[in-house]
Amino acid sequence: MEAYATTKGQVVIPAPLRRKYGIKAGTKFIVRDDGEAIILKPVNEQYLKNLQGSLRGKGALKILMEERQKDNVRE
């Protein structure tokens, strides 16, 4: 499949890929440059489900609470 960029840098994603990944009007994307390619990841329901629990056991809650305490002290 091929796609072309417009003068504004917009790219049309082919319909089969939009259907496959559940991309609709207004879908947000995470755009990443891995040094060799531009990667677009749609932020859709499946993406959010995959994130669920991904920070478990990594101390994220403790870090968040410490940051909130620091913010409260600053105010």
Protein backbone atom coordinates (compact mmCIF):
# COMPACT_ATOMS: atom_id res chain seq x y z
CA MET A 1 0.00 0.00 0.00
CA GLU A 2 1.08 3.53 -0.67
CA ALA A 3 0.00 6.89 0.70
CA TYR A 4 1.00 10.42 -0.18
CA ALA A 5 1.50 13.51 1.95
CA THR A 6 -0.38 16.70 1.13
CA THR A 7 1.26 20.13 1.15
CA LYS A 8 0.11 20.43 4.78
CA GLY A 9 1.82 17.15 5.72
CA GLN A 10 -1.43 15.22 6.02
CA VAL A 11 -1.41 11.55 5.08
CA VAL A 12 -4.47 9.50 4.16
CA ILE A 13 -4.40 6.07 5.78
CA PRO A 14 -5.81 3.43 3.39
CA ALA A 15 -9.33 2.21 4.25
CA PRO A 16 -8.33 -1.42 4.95
CA LEU A 17 -5.89 -0.25 7.63
CA ARG A 18 -8.42 2.17 9.12
CA ARG A 19 -10.92 -0.68 9.48
CA LYS A 20 -8.31 -3.10 10.86
CA TYR A 21 -7.18 -0.67 13.58
CA GLY A 22 -10.54 0.94 14.33
CA ILE A 23 -9.46 4.38 13.15
CA LYS A 24 -12.33 6.86 12.88
CA ALA A 25 -12.55 10.63 12.43
CA GLY A 26 -10.94 12.29 15.44
CA THR A 27 -8.82 9.27 16.46
CA LYS A 28 -5.66 10.46 18.22
CA PHE A 29 -2.26 8.99 17.43
CA ILE A 30 1.03 8.60 19.20
CA VAL A 31 3.72 9.59 16.70
CA ARG A 32 7.18 8.13 17.23
CA ASP A 33 10.43 8.32 15.31
CA ASP A 34 12.55 5.20 15.73
CA GLY A 35 15.41 6.56 13.63
CA GLU A 36 14.43 4.66 10.50
CA ALA A 37 10.67 5.07 10.32
CA ILE A 38 7.77 7.14 11.55
CA ILE A 39 5.44 5.02 13.66
CA LEU A 40 1.78 5.96 14.16
CA LYS A 41 -0.08 4.22 16.98
CA PRO A 42 -3.80 4.94 17.20
CA VAL A 43 -5.00 5.70 20.71
CA ASN A 44 -8.17 3.62 20.59
CA GLU A 45 -10.02 1.35 23.00
CA GLN A 46 -7.71 -1.61 22.33
CA TYR A 47 -4.59 0.49 22.95
CA LEU A 48 -5.99 1.72 26.27
CA LYS A 49 -6.93 -1.83 27.31
CA ASN A 50 -3.36 -2.95 26.60
CA LEU A 51 -2.03 -0.21 28.89
CA GLN A 52 -4.20 -1.35 31.78
CA GLY A 53 -1.99 -2.70 34.56
CA SER A 54 1.24 -2.01 32.67
CA LEU A 55 2.67 0.05 35.54
CA ARG A 56 1.77 -2.45 38.25
CA GLY A 57 4.74 -3.29 40.45
CA LYS A 58 6.87 -0.45 39.12
CA GLY A 59 6.29 1.96 42.03
CA ALA A 60 4.29 4.38 39.90
CA LEU A 61 1.75 5.07 42.66
CA LYS A 62 4.50 5.88 45.15
CA ILE A 63 6.18 8.25 42.68
CA LEU A 64 2.84 9.94 41.92
CA MET A 65 2.12 10.46 45.63
CA GLU A 66 5.60 11.91 46.22
CA GLU A 67 5.14 14.33 43.31
CA ARG A 68 1.76 15.44 44.66
CA GLN A 69 3.29 16.06 48.08
CA LYS A 70 6.03 18.18 46.50
CA ASP A 71 3.39 20.16 44.57
CA ASN A 72 1.42 20.78 47.78
CA VAL A 73 4.55 22.08 49.52
CA ARG A 74 5.26 24.48 46.62
CA GLU A 75 1.75 25.93 46.80
